């Protein structure tokens, strides 16, 4: 019983220590973000391009899955 209590106290102490140390390990973000409006517009444009490229990719993936999952047999090619 005493071992279980000691283990609980040790775990609690380690947890409290780690929770209090996370603030000290964080990066200072005071001046990290200093980009202008054009940079934001360019990143937004890149994001729009990526999102719009996913639409045809999803349609193509749907077609491939639909083709594989269909139970239709392929027509046999007759040789002369």
Protein backbone atom coordinates (compact mmCIF):
# COMPACT_ATOMS: atom_id res chain seq x y z
CA UNK A 1 0.00 0.00 0.00
CA UNK A 2 2.84 2.35 0.87
CA UNK A 3 4.56 1.58 -2.46
CA UNK A 4 1.45 2.55 -4.41
CA UNK A 5 1.20 5.85 -2.52
CA UNK A 6 4.90 6.60 -3.07
CA UNK A 7 4.57 5.85 -6.78
CA UNK A 8 1.56 8.16 -7.04
CA UNK A 9 3.46 10.94 -5.29
CA UNK A 10 6.45 10.52 -7.62
CA UNK A 11 4.25 10.59 -10.72
CA UNK A 12 2.44 13.68 -9.42
CA UNK A 13 5.74 15.43 -8.72
CA UNK A 14 7.11 14.65 -12.20
CA UNK A 15 3.88 15.82 -13.81
CA UNK A 16 3.93 19.09 -11.89
CA UNK A 17 7.58 19.63 -12.77
CA UNK A 18 6.96 19.06 -16.49
CA UNK A 19 3.86 21.25 -16.52
CA UNK A 20 5.72 24.15 -14.93
CA UNK A 21 8.74 23.81 -17.27
CA UNK A 22 6.81 23.98 -20.55
CA UNK A 23 6.46 27.76 -20.42
CA UNK A 24 10.19 28.21 -19.99
CA UNK A 25 10.95 25.99 -23.01
CA UNK A 26 8.59 27.81 -25.37
CA UNK A 27 10.03 29.95 -28.16
CA UNK A 28 9.70 33.70 -27.97
CA UNK A 29 7.28 34.69 -30.74
CA UNK A 30 7.40 38.41 -30.16
CA UNK A 31 8.89 39.33 -33.56
CA UNK A 32 8.72 36.06 -35.52
CA UNK A 33 5.80 37.06 -37.77
CA UNK A 34 6.69 40.22 -39.66
CA UNK A 35 5.57 39.41 -43.22
CA UNK A 36 3.77 41.93 -45.36
CA UNK A 37 0.46 41.84 -47.17
CA UNK A 38 1.94 40.58 -50.45
CA UNK A 39 3.47 37.57 -48.72
CA UNK A 40 0.10 36.71 -47.20
CA UNK A 41 -1.61 37.09 -50.55
CA UNK A 42 0.97 34.81 -52.20
CA UNK A 43 0.55 32.16 -49.50
CA UNK A 44 -3.22 32.40 -49.85
CA UNK A 45 -2.93 31.95 -53.61
CA UNK A 46 -0.74 28.88 -53.09
CA UNK A 47 -3.28 27.44 -50.67
CA UNK A 48 -6.10 28.00 -53.18
CA UNK A 49 -4.09 26.25 -55.91
CA UNK A 50 -3.46 23.25 -53.66
CA UNK A 51 -7.10 23.00 -52.65
CA UNK A 52 -8.33 23.29 -56.24
CA UNK A 53 -5.91 20.58 -57.35
CA UNK A 54 -7.42 18.15 -54.85
CA UNK A 55 -10.84 18.27 -56.54
CA UNK A 56 -9.78 16.52 -59.79
CA UNK A 57 -7.55 14.20 -57.79
CA UNK A 58 -10.49 13.08 -55.65
CA UNK A 59 -12.66 12.61 -58.74
CA UNK A 60 -9.94 10.48 -60.35
CA UNK A 61 -9.51 8.43 -57.18
CA UNK A 62 -13.27 7.89 -56.99
CA UNK A 63 -13.29 6.68 -60.59
CA UNK A 64 -10.45 4.24 -59.97
CA UNK A 65 -12.09 2.84 -56.84
CA UNK A 66 -15.41 2.56 -58.62
CA UNK A 67 -13.76 0.72 -61.52
CA UNK A 68 -11.98 -1.73 -59.24
CA UNK A 69 -15.04 -2.36 -57.10
CA UNK A 70 -17.44 -2.93 -60.00
CA UNK A 71 -18.35 -6.51 -60.67
CA UNK A 72 -18.65 -6.17 -64.42
CA UNK A 73 -16.45 -8.49 -66.38
CA UNK A 74 -14.19 -7.04 -68.99
CA UNK A 75 -15.09 -7.84 -72.59
CA UNK A 76 -12.85 -10.46 -74.07
CA UNK A 77 -10.83 -9.51 -77.10
CA UNK A 78 -11.43 -11.85 -80.02
CA UNK A 79 -8.43 -12.59 -82.18
CA UNK A 80 -8.88 -13.42 -85.89
